[in-house]
Protein backbone atom coordinates (compact mmCIF):
# COMPACT_ATOMS: atom_id res chain seq x y z
CA MET A 1 2.96 6.16 -1.11
CA ASN A 2 1.61 9.24 -2.79
CA ARG A 3 3.08 9.30 -6.32
CA ARG A 4 1.53 12.53 -7.52
CA ARG A 5 3.72 14.95 -9.43
CA LEU A 6 4.45 18.16 -7.53
CA GLY A 7 3.17 21.40 -8.96
CA ARG A 8 0.70 19.88 -11.39
CA THR A 9 -2.68 21.08 -10.09
CA ALA A 10 -4.26 24.33 -9.04
CA ILE A 11 -7.91 24.37 -7.98
CA ALA A 12 -9.29 27.88 -8.08
CA ALA A 13 -12.15 29.49 -6.20
CA ALA A 14 -12.51 26.49 -3.92
CA GLY A 15 -13.37 28.47 -0.80
CA ALA A 16 -16.88 29.78 -1.39
CA ALA A 17 -18.14 26.95 -3.58
CA GLY A 18 -16.60 24.29 -1.34
CA LEU A 19 -18.13 25.76 1.80
CA VAL A 20 -21.54 25.95 0.12
CA ALA A 21 -21.29 22.34 -1.03
CA LEU A 22 -20.21 21.03 2.35
CA ALA A 23 -22.72 23.12 4.22
CA ALA A 24 -25.47 21.68 2.05
CA LEU A 25 -24.09 18.22 2.68
CA ALA A 26 -23.92 18.72 6.44
CA THR A 27 -27.62 19.54 6.52
CA GLY A 28 -28.53 16.86 4.03
CA GLY A 29 -29.15 19.42 1.26
CA ALA A 30 -32.82 20.24 1.00
CA SER A 31 -33.88 17.11 2.85
CA ALA A 32 -35.91 17.64 5.98
CA ALA A 33 -34.76 16.18 9.26
CA THR A 34 -36.42 12.98 10.34
CA ALA A 35 -38.39 12.71 13.53
CA SER A 36 -35.28 11.38 15.27
CA GLY A 37 -33.40 14.55 14.40
CA THR A 38 -31.01 12.84 11.98
CA ALA A 39 -30.92 14.36 8.50
CA ALA A 40 -31.80 12.03 5.65
CA ARG A 41 -28.64 11.43 3.65
CA PRO A 42 -27.62 9.00 0.90
CA ALA A 43 -25.05 6.33 1.76
CA LEU A 44 -22.62 8.12 -0.53
CA LYS A 45 -22.72 11.54 -2.18
CA LEU A 46 -20.49 13.00 -4.91
CA VAL A 47 -19.36 16.55 -4.06
CA ALA A 48 -17.13 19.04 -5.88
CA GLY A 49 -14.88 21.30 -3.82
CA SER A 50 -15.33 23.93 -6.54
CA ILE A 51 -17.16 24.11 -9.85
CA ASP A 52 -14.20 26.02 -11.34
CA VAL A 53 -11.09 23.88 -11.73
CA THR A 54 -7.72 24.77 -13.29
CA LEU A 55 -5.17 22.08 -14.15
CA ASP A 56 -1.64 22.23 -15.50
CA ASN A 57 -0.53 20.74 -18.80
CA SER A 58 3.11 19.70 -18.43
CA PRO A 59 5.12 19.27 -21.66
CA ASP A 60 6.00 15.64 -22.47
CA TYR A 61 3.69 14.51 -19.69
CA GLY A 62 0.14 15.75 -19.93
CA VAL A 63 -2.53 16.53 -17.37
CA ASP A 64 -3.29 14.82 -14.07
CA LEU A 65 -7.08 14.72 -14.14
CA ASP A 66 -7.61 15.75 -10.52
CA LEU A 67 -10.98 17.49 -10.71
CA GLY A 68 -11.26 18.08 -6.97
CA THR A 69 -14.24 15.79 -6.43
CA HIS A 70 -14.99 13.86 -3.26
CA MET A 71 -17.27 11.07 -2.09
CA VAL A 72 -18.91 11.67 1.30
CA ALA A 73 -20.43 9.00 3.53
CA GLY A 74 -23.91 9.55 4.97
CA ASN A 75 -25.25 8.33 8.31
CA ALA A 76 -23.19 5.13 8.48
CA PRO A 77 -19.70 4.01 7.47
CA VAL A 78 -19.26 2.48 4.04
CA GLU A 79 -16.98 -0.54 4.38
CA MET A 80 -15.85 -2.96 1.68
CA ARG A 81 -13.57 -5.97 1.99
CA ALA A 82 -11.84 -7.44 -1.04
CA THR A 83 -10.46 -10.97 -0.83
CA ARG A 84 -8.79 -13.57 -2.99
CA ALA A 85 -9.35 -17.19 -1.95
CA SER A 86 -6.09 -18.26 -3.62
CA TYR A 87 -3.65 -17.04 -6.23
CA ALA A 88 -5.79 -18.89 -8.77
CA SER A 89 -8.95 -17.01 -7.74
CA GLN A 90 -10.43 -13.71 -8.83
CA VAL A 91 -10.90 -10.85 -6.36
CA VAL A 92 -14.31 -10.70 -4.65
CA ALA A 93 -15.55 -7.50 -2.97
CA THR A 94 -18.14 -7.60 -0.20
CA GLN A 95 -19.87 -4.82 1.72
CA TYR A 96 -19.64 -5.11 5.51
CA ALA A 97 -21.68 -3.52 8.29
CA ASN A 98 -20.89 -3.84 11.99
CA GLY A 99 -18.16 -6.34 11.18
CA LYS A 100 -20.45 -8.70 9.25
CA PRO A 101 -20.82 -9.32 5.50
CA VAL A 102 -23.91 -7.80 3.93
CA ARG A 103 -23.73 -8.41 0.18
CA GLN A 104 -21.24 -8.85 -2.64
CA LEU A 105 -20.56 -6.33 -5.36
CA PRO A 106 -21.55 -7.58 -8.82
CA LYS A 107 -18.77 -9.55 -10.50
CA GLY A 108 -16.44 -7.59 -12.72
CA LEU A 109 -16.58 -4.29 -10.83
CA VAL A 110 -13.51 -5.03 -8.71
CA THR A 111 -10.69 -6.93 -10.38
CA ASP A 112 -7.71 -6.00 -8.19
CA PHE A 113 -6.86 -4.34 -4.87
CA SER A 114 -6.55 -0.76 -6.12
CA GLY A 115 -10.12 0.16 -5.13
CA LEU A 116 -13.61 0.31 -6.59
CA GLY A 117 -12.99 -0.15 -10.29
CA LYS A 118 -14.82 2.04 -12.81
CA PHE A 119 -16.58 3.84 -9.97
CA LEU A 120 -16.68 7.25 -11.68
CA HIS A 121 -17.12 8.26 -15.29
CA VAL A 122 -15.57 11.51 -16.55
CA THR A 123 -16.64 13.25 -19.75
CA VAL A 124 -14.89 16.37 -21.01
CA THR A 125 -16.15 18.53 -23.90
CA ASP A 126 -14.44 21.49 -25.54
CA ALA A 127 -15.85 24.96 -26.18
CA SER A 128 -17.66 23.75 -29.31
CA GLY A 129 -19.34 20.91 -27.42
CA LYS A 130 -17.14 18.20 -28.94
CA LYS A 131 -16.34 15.30 -26.61
CA VAL A 132 -12.56 15.14 -26.14
CA LEU A 133 -12.30 12.75 -23.18
CA ASP A 134 -14.45 9.89 -22.01
CA LYS A 135 -13.03 7.60 -19.31
CA ASP A 136 -13.73 5.73 -16.09
CA GLN A 137 -11.90 6.25 -12.80
CA THR A 138 -11.20 3.89 -9.92
CA VAL A 139 -11.93 5.26 -6.44
CA CYS A 140 -10.07 4.25 -3.29
CA LEU A 141 -12.26 4.77 -0.22
CA ASN A 142 -9.06 4.88 1.85
CA GLY A 143 -7.66 7.92 0.06
CA ASP A 144 -7.03 11.46 1.31
CA GLY A 145 -10.04 12.49 3.37
CA SER A 146 -11.39 14.42 6.32
CA ARG A 147 -14.49 15.09 8.42
CA THR A 148 -17.21 17.09 6.65
CA ARG A 149 -19.75 17.45 9.46
CA PRO A 150 -19.44 18.47 13.11
CA ASP A 151 -21.40 15.36 14.16
CA ALA A 152 -18.97 12.99 12.35
CA PRO A 153 -16.59 10.85 14.44
CA ALA A 154 -13.26 12.52 15.15
CA THR A 155 -11.18 9.66 13.73
CA SER A 156 -11.46 7.00 11.07
CA PRO A 157 -10.48 3.37 11.69
CA TYR A 158 -9.77 2.60 8.04
CA PRO A 159 -6.38 2.24 6.32
CA GLY A 160 -4.77 5.28 4.76
CA ASP A 161 -4.61 4.05 1.16
CA CYS A 162 -5.27 1.19 -1.24
CA ALA A 163 -1.62 0.36 -1.91
CA ALA A 164 -1.19 -3.34 -2.63
CA ASN A 165 1.45 -5.95 -3.25
CA PRO A 166 1.05 -8.15 -6.36
CA PHE A 167 0.30 -11.02 -3.99
CA THR A 168 -2.06 -9.19 -1.64
CA GLN A 169 -4.80 -11.55 -0.48
CA GLY A 170 -7.23 -9.30 1.39
CA ALA A 171 -7.92 -5.58 1.67
CA VAL A 172 -10.24 -3.37 3.72
CA TRP A 173 -11.58 -0.16 2.21
CA GLY A 174 -13.77 2.18 4.21
CA LEU A 175 -15.21 5.65 4.52
CA GLN A 176 -16.15 6.79 8.02
CA THR A 177 -19.56 8.31 8.74
CA GLY A 178 -19.60 11.94 7.61
CA TRP A 179 -16.09 11.74 6.18
CA SER A 180 -15.00 12.57 2.65
CA VAL A 181 -12.49 10.89 0.37
CA HIS A 182 -10.67 12.51 -2.53
CA THR A 183 -11.69 10.53 -5.63
CA TYR A 184 -8.51 11.08 -7.64
CA SER A 185 -5.59 8.67 -7.49
CA GLY A 186 -2.13 9.79 -8.49
CA ASP A 187 -1.57 6.31 -9.92
CA ALA A 188 -4.22 6.91 -12.61
CA GLY A 189 -1.71 8.36 -15.08
CA PRO A 190 -1.93 11.53 -17.16
CA VAL A 191 -4.42 12.41 -19.92
CA GLN A 192 -3.80 14.56 -22.96
CA LEU A 193 -5.80 17.82 -23.02
CA ALA A 194 -4.69 20.93 -24.88
CA VAL A 195 -4.58 24.32 -23.21
CA GLY A 196 -8.08 25.81 -23.28
CA LYS A 197 -11.56 25.94 -21.74
CA TYR A 198 -13.70 22.84 -21.22
CA LYS A 199 -16.79 21.47 -19.50
CA ALA A 200 -16.42 18.35 -17.37
CA VAL A 201 -19.12 16.05 -16.03
CA VAL A 202 -18.26 13.51 -13.31
CA THR A 203 -20.82 10.77 -12.64
CA VAL A 204 -21.00 7.73 -10.39
CA ASN A 205 -21.46 4.80 -12.75
CA LYS A 206 -24.88 3.11 -12.72
CA ALA A 207 -23.73 -0.19 -11.22
CA TYR A 208 -22.53 1.64 -8.10
CA ARG A 209 -25.52 4.00 -8.00
CA ASP A 210 -27.76 0.95 -7.91
CA PHE A 211 -25.64 -0.94 -5.38
CA PHE A 212 -25.35 1.94 -2.89
CA LYS A 213 -28.78 3.38 -3.76
CA ILE A 214 -27.37 6.81 -4.62
CA PRO A 215 -30.00 9.20 -6.06
CA ALA A 216 -29.10 10.66 -9.45
CA SER A 217 -29.02 14.16 -7.93
CA ASP A 218 -26.23 13.04 -5.55
CA ALA A 219 -24.26 11.12 -8.16
CA ALA A 220 -23.10 13.78 -10.64
CA VAL A 221 -21.36 17.16 -10.74
CA LYS A 222 -20.70 19.60 -13.58
CA LEU A 223 -17.46 21.57 -13.67
CA ASN A 224 -15.85 24.41 -15.59
CA LEU A 225 -12.38 23.18 -16.51
CA THR A 226 -9.42 25.32 -17.56
CA ILE A 227 -6.22 23.71 -18.83
CA GLN A 228 -3.22 26.00 -18.59
CA LYS A 229 0.41 25.59 -19.52
CA ALA A 230 2.42 24.45 -16.53
CA GLN A 231 4.38 27.28 -14.95
CA SER A 232 8.17 26.96 -14.76
CA CYS A 233 9.71 27.11 -11.31
CA VAL A 234 12.59 29.40 -10.41
CA ARG A 235 13.16 28.38 -6.80
CA GLY A 236 11.26 25.12 -6.62
CA CYS A 237 7.65 24.08 -7.07
CA PHE A 238 5.21 23.57 -4.26
CA GLY A 239 2.07 21.76 -5.35
CA THR A 240 -0.99 20.33 -3.67
CA LYS A 241 0.57 17.06 -2.57
CA GLN A 242 -0.76 16.16 0.86
CA LEU A 243 1.73 14.47 3.12
CA LYS A 244 0.32 11.49 4.91
CA ALA A 245 0.57 11.83 8.67
CA LYS A 246 2.85 9.23 10.20
CA SER A 247 2.22 7.52 13.46
CA VAL A 248 4.98 7.63 16.00
CA ALA A 249 6.68 4.25 16.25
CA PRO A 250 6.32 2.61 19.66
CA LYS A 251 9.48 2.99 21.70
CA PRO A 252 11.39 -0.05 22.92
CA ASN A 253 11.35 -0.91 26.57
CA ALA A 254 13.64 1.29 28.65
CA ALA A 255 15.91 -1.61 29.57
CA ARG A 256 16.49 -5.26 28.88
CA PRO A 257 13.67 -7.40 30.22
CA THR A 258 14.19 -9.02 33.58
CA GLY A 259 12.85 -12.18 35.08
CA LYS A 260 12.85 -15.64 33.60
CA ALA A 261 12.75 -15.80 29.81
CA GLY A 262 10.22 -18.11 28.25
CA VAL A 263 7.76 -18.63 25.42
CA PRO A 264 4.24 -18.67 26.86
CA LYS A 265 1.27 -20.40 25.30
CA GLY A 266 -1.08 -18.15 23.39
CA PRO A 267 -1.09 -15.98 20.26
CA LYS A 268 2.06 -15.68 18.19
CA PRO A 269 2.98 -14.19 14.82
CA ASP A 270 2.84 -16.36 11.73
CA LEU A 271 5.49 -15.40 9.18
CA ARG A 272 4.72 -16.33 5.59
CA ALA A 273 6.56 -15.81 2.31
CA VAL A 274 4.88 -14.81 -0.95
CA PRO A 275 6.29 -15.66 -4.39
CA ALA A 276 9.02 -13.36 -5.68
CA TRP A 277 7.95 -10.59 -8.05
CA GLY A 278 9.42 -7.66 -9.98
CA ILE A 279 11.77 -10.15 -11.63
CA ASP A 280 14.21 -8.93 -14.29
CA VAL A 281 17.74 -9.47 -15.59
CA ALA A 282 20.36 -6.71 -15.74
CA PRO A 283 24.11 -6.35 -16.19
CA GLY A 284 26.36 -5.14 -13.40
CA ASP A 285 27.08 -1.44 -13.06
CA ALA A 286 29.54 -0.04 -15.57
CA GLY A 287 32.94 0.78 -14.13
CA THR A 288 32.67 -1.79 -11.33
CA PRO A 289 34.09 -5.31 -11.00
CA ASP A 290 30.55 -6.57 -11.74
CA ALA A 291 30.30 -4.82 -15.11
CA ASN A 292 30.91 -8.08 -17.01
CA LYS A 293 28.36 -10.06 -15.04
CA ASP A 294 24.62 -10.64 -15.40
CA PHE A 295 22.22 -10.60 -12.46
CA LEU A 296 18.69 -11.82 -11.82
CA GLN A 297 16.93 -9.14 -9.78
CA PHE A 298 13.71 -9.57 -7.82
CA SER A 299 11.52 -8.29 -5.01
CA ALA A 300 10.57 -10.46 -2.05
CA THR A 301 7.93 -10.08 0.66
CA VAL A 302 7.54 -11.76 4.04
CA TRP A 303 4.35 -10.99 5.93
CA ASN A 304 2.73 -11.66 9.29
CA ALA A 305 -0.59 -13.51 9.18
CA GLY A 306 -0.98 -13.14 12.95
CA PRO A 307 -2.91 -13.23 15.13
CA SER A 308 -0.14 -11.50 17.12
CA PRO A 309 2.42 -8.87 16.02
CA LEU A 310 6.09 -9.62 15.69
CA VAL A 311 7.77 -7.27 18.17
CA LEU A 312 11.54 -7.15 18.59
CA ASP A 313 13.55 -4.96 20.94
CA GLY A 314 17.29 -4.58 20.47
CA PHE A 315 19.66 -3.45 23.24
CA ARG A 316 23.20 -2.44 22.32
CA ARG A 317 26.26 -4.14 23.64
CA GLN A 318 28.45 -1.42 25.10
CA GLY A 319 30.89 -0.02 22.57
CA LYS A 320 29.88 -2.48 19.84
CA ASP A 321 27.86 -2.30 16.62
CA LEU A 322 25.74 -5.18 17.81
CA MET A 323 22.48 -5.45 19.74
CA ASP A 324 20.94 -8.37 21.57
CA ALA A 325 17.42 -9.02 20.27
CA TYR A 326 14.39 -9.92 22.38
CA GLN A 327 11.04 -11.08 21.05
CA TYR A 328 7.97 -10.17 23.10
CA PHE A 329 4.72 -12.12 23.39
CA TYR A 330 1.20 -10.85 24.04
CA ASP A 331 -2.07 -12.40 25.16
CA ALA A 332 -5.39 -12.13 23.32
CA HIS A 333 -5.97 -8.71 24.93
CA GLY A 334 -2.63 -7.27 23.77
CA LYS A 335 -0.96 -7.47 27.18
CA GLN A 336 2.71 -8.40 27.19
CA VAL A 337 3.07 -11.79 28.89
CA GLY A 338 6.61 -12.94 28.13
CA TYR A 339 9.83 -12.58 26.21
CA GLN A 340 12.67 -14.65 24.79
CA THR A 341 16.14 -13.88 23.46
CA THR A 342 16.17 -14.36 19.71
CA GLY A 343 19.45 -13.53 18.00
CA THR A 344 21.01 -10.17 17.31
CA LEU A 345 20.69 -6.91 15.41
CA GLU A 346 23.75 -5.61 13.60
CA TRP A 347 24.63 -2.11 12.41
CA ASP A 348 24.83 -1.79 8.61
CA GLY A 349 26.67 1.41 7.73
CA ARG A 350 26.74 0.92 3.95
CA PRO A 351 25.26 3.65 1.73
CA GLY A 352 21.54 3.10 1.32
CA HIS A 353 21.29 1.28 4.65
CA ASN A 354 22.66 3.10 7.71
CA HIS A 355 20.37 1.34 10.16
CA TRP A 356 20.05 -1.72 12.37
CA HIS A 357 19.28 -5.10 10.80
CA PHE A 358 17.81 -8.14 12.49
CA THR A 359 19.80 -11.19 11.42
CA ASP A 360 18.30 -14.27 9.77
CA PHE A 361 14.86 -12.82 9.04
CA ALA A 362 14.67 -14.23 5.50
CA ARG A 363 16.75 -16.13 2.97
CA TYR A 364 16.72 -15.97 -0.82
CA SER A 365 17.98 -18.84 -2.98
CA LEU A 366 17.98 -19.68 -6.67
CA LEU A 367 17.19 -23.35 -7.23
CA ASN A 368 17.73 -25.39 -10.37
CA ALA A 369 15.04 -27.49 -12.07
CA LYS A 370 15.61 -30.24 -9.47
CA GLN A 371 15.08 -27.58 -6.79
CA THR A 372 18.65 -27.75 -5.55
CA GLU A 373 20.26 -24.47 -4.51
CA VAL A 374 22.74 -23.07 -7.06
CA VAL A 375 23.03 -19.43 -5.88
CA ARG A 376 22.24 -17.78 -2.54
CA SER A 377 21.68 -14.11 -1.88
CA GLN A 378 23.94 -12.50 0.70
CA LYS A 379 20.93 -10.59 2.03
CA GLU A 380 19.66 -12.23 5.22
CA ALA A 381 19.57 -9.33 7.70
CA PHE A 382 16.73 -6.80 7.63
CA CYS A 383 15.20 -3.80 9.30
CA LEU A 384 11.58 -4.81 9.82
CA ALA A 385 8.96 -2.40 8.49
CA ALA A 386 5.33 -2.77 7.38
CA THR A 387 5.87 -1.72 3.77
CA ASP A 388 2.98 -3.64 2.13
CA ALA A 389 -0.59 -4.47 3.09
CA ILE A 390 -0.99 -8.19 2.33
CA ASP A 391 -4.20 -9.24 4.04
CA TYR A 392 -6.18 -6.83 6.20
CA THR A 393 -9.00 -9.33 6.65
CA VAL A 394 -7.03 -11.73 8.90
CA LYS A 395 -7.72 -11.75 12.64
CA ASN A 396 -6.20 -8.76 14.49
CA ALA A 397 -4.89 -7.11 11.31
CA ASN A 398 -3.53 -3.65 12.07
CA TRP A 399 -4.91 -1.23 9.48
CA HIS A 400 -2.67 1.56 10.77
CA PRO A 401 0.79 0.03 11.27
CA TYR A 402 3.27 2.19 13.14
CA ASN A 403 6.42 1.70 11.10
CA THR A 404 5.67 1.97 7.39
CA ASP A 405 9.16 2.76 6.09
CA LEU A 406 12.78 2.27 7.05
CA HIS A 407 13.01 5.67 8.76
CA THR A 408 10.51 4.95 11.49
CA ALA A 409 12.07 2.21 13.59
CA CYS A 410 15.51 1.26 12.31
CA GLY A 411 17.57 3.62 14.45
CA ASP A 412 20.87 5.31 13.68
CA HIS A 413 24.48 4.69 14.62
CA SER A 414 24.08 6.40 17.99
CA SER A 415 21.05 4.31 19.02
CA LEU A 416 21.29 2.41 22.27
CA SER A 417 18.10 0.49 21.56
CA VAL A 418 15.52 0.02 18.80
CA ARG A 419 12.10 -1.56 18.42
CA GLU A 420 11.22 -3.23 15.12
CA VAL A 421 7.66 -4.39 14.50
CA LEU A 422 5.93 -6.36 11.76
CA ASP A 423 2.22 -5.87 12.39
CA VAL A 424 -0.48 -8.41 11.62
CA GLY A 425 -1.69 -8.33 8.02
CA ASN A 426 1.38 -6.44 6.84
CA GLY A 427 4.42 -7.48 4.86
CA ASP A 428 8.02 -6.34 4.56
CA THR A 429 9.30 -6.07 0.99
CA TYR A 430 12.92 -5.78 -0.08
CA VAL A 431 14.11 -5.25 -3.65
CA GLN A 432 17.14 -7.39 -4.45
CA SER A 433 18.91 -5.31 -7.10
CA LEU A 434 22.46 -4.98 -5.78
CA PRO A 435 25.21 -7.46 -6.65
CA GLY A 436 25.44 -9.98 -3.84
CA GLN A 437 21.75 -9.58 -3.09
CA SER A 438 20.55 -10.33 -6.62
CA PHE A 439 21.55 -13.67 -8.15
CA ASP A 440 24.71 -13.83 -10.27
CA ILE A 441 23.62 -15.83 -13.33
CA THR A 442 26.68 -15.06 -15.48
CA ASN A 443 27.79 -18.68 -15.70
CA LEU A 444 24.41 -20.38 -15.29
CA ALA A 445 23.10 -22.47 -18.17
CA ASN A 446 19.82 -21.49 -19.76
CA GLY A 447 16.83 -23.35 -18.39
CA THR A 448 14.22 -23.53 -15.65
CA TYR A 449 14.97 -22.25 -12.15
CA TYR A 450 13.05 -21.27 -9.02
CA VAL A 451 13.43 -18.20 -6.83
CA GLN A 452 12.95 -19.44 -3.27
CA VAL A 453 11.95 -17.02 -0.50
CA THR A 454 12.22 -18.43 3.02
CA ALA A 455 10.97 -16.60 6.10
CA ASN A 456 12.68 -17.17 9.45
CA PRO A 457 15.17 -19.66 7.92
CA GLU A 458 17.02 -20.50 11.15
CA HIS A 459 13.81 -20.53 13.24
CA ARG A 460 15.25 -17.88 15.53
CA LEU A 461 11.84 -16.24 15.77
CA TYR A 462 8.98 -17.87 17.62
CA GLU A 463 5.82 -18.22 15.53
CA SER A 464 2.64 -20.28 15.43
CA SER A 465 3.62 -22.26 12.32
CA THR A 466 6.71 -22.81 10.22
CA THR A 467 4.99 -24.90 7.54
CA ASN A 468 4.19 -21.86 5.36
CA ASN A 469 7.56 -20.11 5.46
CA VAL A 470 8.71 -21.00 1.92
CA ALA A 471 7.47 -19.70 -1.45
CA LEU A 472 8.78 -20.58 -4.93
CA ARG A 473 8.54 -18.61 -8.18
CA LYS A 474 9.41 -20.34 -11.43
CA VAL A 475 11.67 -18.50 -13.88
CA ILE A 476 13.02 -19.53 -17.29
CA ILE A 477 16.44 -18.05 -18.08
CA GLY A 478 17.59 -17.70 -21.68
CA GLY A 479 19.73 -15.56 -23.97
CA THR A 480 23.47 -15.07 -24.12
CA LEU A 481 26.06 -13.31 -21.99
CA HIS A 482 25.02 -9.67 -21.44
CA HIS A 483 21.84 -10.41 -23.37
CA ARG A 484 20.19 -12.71 -20.86
CA THR A 485 16.42 -12.99 -20.79
CA VAL A 486 13.94 -14.22 -18.21
CA LYS A 487 10.39 -15.46 -18.61
CA VAL A 488 8.21 -15.58 -15.50
CA PRO A 489 5.09 -17.79 -15.71
CA PRO A 490 2.00 -16.53 -13.86
CA VAL A 491 1.03 -17.77 -10.42
CA GLY A 492 -2.63 -18.67 -10.82
CA VAL A 493 -4.34 -15.56 -12.21
CA ILE A 494 -1.50 -13.26 -11.09
CA ASN A 495 0.43 -12.58 -14.28
CA ILE A 496 3.01 -10.14 -12.90
CA PRO A 497 6.70 -10.99 -13.52
């Protein structure tokens, strides 16, 4: 998800300077062509779209430090894979070439799954030469990008962003040959710069210059920076936010499958639960019957470790708000080789839903210290969507899942059929914040409890293993009525409530 604020940035005079920069890049700058006819290029090059940049200062917010810089890949893709051996392990980043590991990044450069940490360094000085900003920036190789040379491949195989779940286990970051990536992330947060004129210097930090062998001349740019007061909008603001292109979700089969149903041997999905996260306590909404209650809210993720996608088609029963669900199976080459009936999909017309839910996909329970269930969430039916990248290093992981939100494959009330898919390497996250879905803890004694997330609780779905379908997250509930508290111990090195 792109979280940039609309209307915050204006980059002036980009045309001429940008074309000059990219033209120089396409020919390798001043480098002569090699005997093979391929220009000599660094593995990565820092390029500015324009040397003159204007940014908005919004009151009570600040400035999004989007300086319009890009990293461009040379004569080969730049691919990194970040992995975590377990929740108790630190993240390790490794460079790959032709699908094989080449070498690890030095320890400490990458500490999470947001990208290459401290990749760039930005220094800003005012008109008197005084340094007013000095900070590092993380770069996501999967960010907004495009081809920069006519000889570059037409498409990129790499994921569209570096979005991660707190319990992500593996990520793939890559920059296609001859492609650029915008270095700024909207998640970086604002900086405080007064209206005025500045000089900015953006530099690739030495650890990365050494690792990727980037010459100093290709690792720094100097910019003229103007900070202006943000303009008020009369009829709405239209900024530079780039909308991510969405793939078209695969359509369900035209009719119910025919022939004998069965579950063939071969690849199947493997549904796994991760520990609950985003845990908090909150009172019920004022003015409702729940106003005098306290609730434990949480987010829960179930993901598919593969090696085969979970594919469900639903076909509507005539005149009813119910569909019969069919799970499809595929061989190692992706060819459909069988199907089996597997429950139902039901229409949920409540506000905030208005789509088709597959029943019994997951179950959420609150267990006491003896791990006996004391409260169960009413939420057990879901529209499947690949909302979170959990591990893109597993076999057959789909780096470009089709349905990435609830609008892509969940249908509407007029739908006669739907297809819901949970692709390999991807997870489906739901936030349990509504009464009935969150846990009512009004009358629970203070103490230790466990949030239990169970994937495929009734085993309606066919998968390769059901031994990894349950995850527990310890919580310690305290406080008094309407002043309840919750402490959430870390899971290994992951200290996110």
